[in-house]
Amino acid sequence: QVQLVESGGGLVQAGGSLRLSCVASGRAFSMTTMGWYRQAPGNQRELVAEITSGGSTNYGDSVKGRFAISRDNAKNTVYLQMNSLAPEDTAVYYCRQRTLFSVNYWGQGTQVTVSS
């Protein structure tokens, strides 16, 4: 069974930066699409960033230009670099893996809180 382990969340000040990491178990990480989603209280879960097995990226409009997703297949890890953070970015951030046959796996979520 696939397991996704996230780290890097915490409390930061507005304007600061933070980098999230997600380490995936399994034997076919390089063939999967990895993504970051977030959910604030009362809101729906929304796409933050996604990176395919071929390296193509997709970003949510609210984070475009501020966040960057990357992956290291040798480490089975996907990263989310978050810059120019604002209180509106406060949410639980989830790592998601989609396999070649469109099976989805989710991490446990990590809290990101941005103070004003």
C-alpha atoms as a PDB file:
ATOM      1  CA  GLN A   1       0.000   0.000   0.000  1.00  0.00           C
ATOM      2  CA  VAL A   2       1.204   3.498  -0.840  1.00  0.00           C
ATOM      3  CA  GLN A   3       2.013   5.831   2.031  1.00  0.00           C
ATOM      4  CA  LEU A   4       2.673   9.552   1.739  1.00  0.00           C
ATOM      5  CA  VAL A   5       4.572  11.250   4.557  1.00  0.00           C
ATOM      6  CA  GLU A   6       4.540  15.040   4.668  1.00  0.00           C
ATOM      7  CA  SER A   7       6.729  17.482   6.552  1.00  0.00           C
ATOM      8  CA  GLY A   8       7.628  21.160   6.635  1.00  0.00           C
ATOM      9  CA  GLY A   9       4.416  22.750   7.839  1.00  0.00           C
ATOM     10  CA  GLY A  10       4.285  25.229  10.666  1.00  0.00           C
ATOM     11  CA  LEU A  11       3.803  28.852  11.643  1.00  0.00           C
ATOM     12  CA  VAL A  12       5.384  31.597   9.553  1.00  0.00           C
ATOM     13  CA  GLN A  13       5.054  35.357   9.278  1.00  0.00           C
ATOM     14  CA  ALA A  14       3.461  37.078   6.311  1.00  0.00           C
ATOM     15  CA  GLY A  15       5.974  37.613   3.534  1.00  0.00           C
ATOM     16  CA  GLY A  16       8.029  34.638   4.593  1.00  0.00           C
ATOM     17  CA  SER A  17       8.807  31.363   2.878  1.00  0.00           C
ATOM     18  CA  LEU A  18       8.281  27.715   3.634  1.00  0.00           C
ATOM     19  CA  ARG A  19       9.070  24.456   1.868  1.00  0.00           C
ATOM     20  CA  LEU A  20       6.905  21.373   2.200  1.00  0.00           C
ATOM     21  CA  SER A  21       8.116  17.861   1.467  1.00  0.00           C
ATOM     22  CA  CYS A  22       6.232  14.671   0.721  1.00  0.00           C
ATOM     23  CA  VAL A  23       7.963  11.296   0.648  1.00  0.00           C
ATOM     24  CA  ALA A  24       6.113   8.475  -1.091  1.00  0.00           C
ATOM     25  CA  SER A  25       6.497   4.762  -0.658  1.00  0.00           C
ATOM     26  CA  GLY A  26       6.063   2.405  -3.588  1.00  0.00           C
ATOM     27  CA  ARG A  27       8.096   1.216  -6.536  1.00  0.00           C
ATOM     28  CA  ALA A  28       6.809   3.372  -9.386  1.00  0.00           C
ATOM     29  CA  PHE A  29       7.099   6.920  -8.088  1.00  0.00           C
ATOM     30  CA  SER A  30       8.615   8.255 -11.310  1.00  0.00           C
ATOM     31  CA  MET A  31       5.518   7.241 -13.277  1.00  0.00           C
ATOM     32  CA  THR A  32       3.050   9.048 -11.051  1.00  0.00           C
ATOM     33  CA  THR A  33       1.555  12.510 -11.016  1.00  0.00           C
ATOM     34  CA  MET A  34       2.163  14.325  -7.741  1.00  0.00           C
ATOM     35  CA  GLY A  35       0.219  17.262  -6.428  1.00  0.00           C
ATOM     36  CA  TRP A  36      -0.409  19.575  -3.526  1.00  0.00           C
ATOM     37  CA  TYR A  37      -3.902  20.582  -2.422  1.00  0.00           C
ATOM     38  CA  ARG A  38      -5.082  22.709   0.466  1.00  0.00           C
ATOM     39  CA  GLN A  39      -8.223  23.139   2.503  1.00  0.00           C
ATOM     40  CA  ALA A  40      -9.134  25.908   4.925  1.00  0.00           C
ATOM     41  CA  PRO A  41     -12.026  25.630   7.407  1.00  0.00           C
ATOM     42  CA  GLY A  42     -15.335  26.086   5.621  1.00  0.00           C
ATOM     43  CA  ASN A  43     -13.733  25.838   2.189  1.00  0.00           C
ATOM     44  CA  GLN A  44     -13.472  23.106  -0.404  1.00  0.00           C
ATOM     45  CA  ARG A  45     -10.180  21.432  -1.074  1.00  0.00           C
ATOM     46  CA  GLU A  46      -8.435  23.228  -3.913  1.00  0.00           C
ATOM     47  CA  LEU A  47      -5.534  22.531  -6.222  1.00  0.00           C
ATOM     48  CA  VAL A  48      -2.305  24.281  -5.306  1.00  0.00           C
ATOM     49  CA  ALA A  49       0.160  22.697  -7.714  1.00  0.00           C
ATOM     50  CA  GLU A  50       0.653  19.532  -9.712  1.00  0.00           C
ATOM     51  CA  ILE A  51       3.575  17.941 -11.540  1.00  0.00           C
ATOM     52  CA  THR A  52       3.282  15.044 -13.971  1.00  0.00           C
ATOM     53  CA  SER A  53       5.664  12.183 -14.612  1.00  0.00           C
ATOM     54  CA  GLY A  54       6.925  14.121 -17.627  1.00  0.00           C
ATOM     55  CA  GLY A  55       7.644  17.238 -15.595  1.00  0.00           C
ATOM     56  CA  SER A  56       4.714  19.380 -16.700  1.00  0.00           C
ATOM     57  CA  THR A  57       3.356  21.650 -13.967  1.00  0.00           C
ATOM     58  CA  ASN A  58       0.006  23.206 -13.219  1.00  0.00           C
ATOM     59  CA  TYR A  59      -0.757  25.833 -10.561  1.00  0.00           C
ATOM     60  CA  GLY A  60      -3.824  27.250  -8.973  1.00  0.00           C
ATOM     61  CA  ASP A  61      -4.435  30.863  -9.902  1.00  0.00           C
ATOM     62  CA  SER A  62      -4.090  32.100  -6.334  1.00  0.00           C
ATOM     63  CA  VAL A  63      -0.538  30.785  -5.962  1.00  0.00           C
ATOM     64  CA  LYS A  64       0.833  31.215  -9.466  1.00  0.00           C
ATOM     65  CA  GLY A  65       4.107  33.099  -9.395  1.00  0.00           C
ATOM     66  CA  ARG A  66       4.603  32.546  -5.669  1.00  0.00           C
ATOM     67  CA  PHE A  67       4.730  28.771  -5.279  1.00  0.00           C
ATOM     68  CA  ALA A  68       6.826  26.210  -7.128  1.00  0.00           C
ATOM     69  CA  ILE A  69       6.453  22.447  -7.238  1.00  0.00           C
ATOM     70  CA  SER A  70       9.340  20.103  -7.971  1.00  0.00           C
ATOM     71  CA  ARG A  71      10.205  16.441  -7.625  1.00  0.00           C
ATOM     72  CA  ASP A  72      13.240  14.280  -6.979  1.00  0.00           C
ATOM     73  CA  ASN A  73      12.561  10.806  -8.303  1.00  0.00           C
ATOM     74  CA  ALA A  74      15.726   9.397  -6.745  1.00  0.00           C
ATOM     75  CA  LYS A  75      14.304  10.296  -3.336  1.00  0.00           C
ATOM     76  CA  ASN A  76      10.640   9.563  -4.072  1.00  0.00           C
ATOM     77  CA  THR A  77       9.939  13.097  -2.935  1.00  0.00           C
ATOM     78  CA  VAL A  78       7.868  16.023  -4.128  1.00  0.00           C
ATOM     79  CA  TYR A  79       8.413  19.555  -2.818  1.00  0.00           C
ATOM     80  CA  LEU A  80       6.354  22.703  -2.609  1.00  0.00           C
ATOM     81  CA  GLN A  81       8.331  25.929  -2.267  1.00  0.00           C
ATOM     82  CA  MET A  82       6.072  28.675  -0.948  1.00  0.00           C
ATOM     83  CA  ASN A  83       7.206  32.288  -1.136  1.00  0.00           C
ATOM     84  CA  SER A  84       5.553  35.599  -0.286  1.00  0.00           C
ATOM     85  CA  LEU A  85       3.168  33.867   2.061  1.00  0.00           C
ATOM     86  CA  ALA A  86       0.008  35.654   3.147  1.00  0.00           C
ATOM     87  CA  PRO A  87      -2.618  34.892   5.801  1.00  0.00           C
ATOM     88  CA  GLU A  88      -4.921  33.726   2.996  1.00  0.00           C
ATOM     89  CA  ASP A  89      -2.536  30.804   2.454  1.00  0.00           C
ATOM     90  CA  THR A  90      -3.371  29.417   5.884  1.00  0.00           C
ATOM     91  CA  ALA A  91      -4.771  25.913   5.401  1.00  0.00           C
ATOM     92  CA  VAL A  92      -4.088  22.236   5.753  1.00  0.00           C
ATOM     93  CA  TYR A  93      -1.902  21.180   2.845  1.00  0.00           C
ATOM     94  CA  TYR A  94      -2.284  17.681   1.433  1.00  0.00           C
ATOM     95  CA  CYS A  95       0.029  15.674  -0.772  1.00  0.00           C
ATOM     96  CA  ARG A  96      -1.640  13.592  -3.483  1.00  0.00           C
ATOM     97  CA  GLN A  97      -0.297  10.867  -5.735  1.00  0.00           C
ATOM     98  CA  ARG A  98      -2.089   9.674  -8.862  1.00  0.00           C
ATOM     99  CA  THR A  99      -0.857   6.450 -10.412  1.00  0.00           C
ATOM    100  CA  LEU A 100      -0.669   5.445 -14.058  1.00  0.00           C
ATOM    101  CA  PHE A 101      -4.159   3.938 -13.785  1.00  0.00           C
ATOM    102  CA  SER A 102      -5.636   6.984 -12.042  1.00  0.00           C
ATOM    103  CA  VAL A 103      -5.669   5.592  -8.527  1.00  0.00           C
ATOM    104  CA  ASN A 104      -5.367   8.413  -5.991  1.00  0.00           C
ATOM    105  CA  TYR A 105      -3.519   8.365  -2.679  1.00  0.00           C
ATOM    106  CA  TRP A 106      -3.532  11.138  -0.101  1.00  0.00           C
ATOM    107  CA  GLY A 107      -1.209  12.174   2.669  1.00  0.00           C
ATOM    108  CA  GLN A 108      -2.320  12.999   6.180  1.00  0.00           C
ATOM    109  CA  GLY A 109      -2.089  16.750   5.687  1.00  0.00           C
ATOM    110  CA  THR A 110       0.164  19.316   7.303  1.00  0.00           C
ATOM    111  CA  GLN A 111      -0.938  22.612   8.821  1.00  0.00           C
ATOM    112  CA  VAL A 112       0.440  25.865   7.432  1.00  0.00           C
ATOM    113  CA  THR A 113      -0.408  29.002   9.388  1.00  0.00           C
ATOM    114  CA  VAL A 114       0.632  32.466   8.207  1.00  0.00           C
ATOM    115  CA  SER A 115       0.434  35.261  10.752  1.00  0.00           C
ATOM    116  CA  SER A 116      -0.284  38.862   9.791  1.00  0.00           C
END
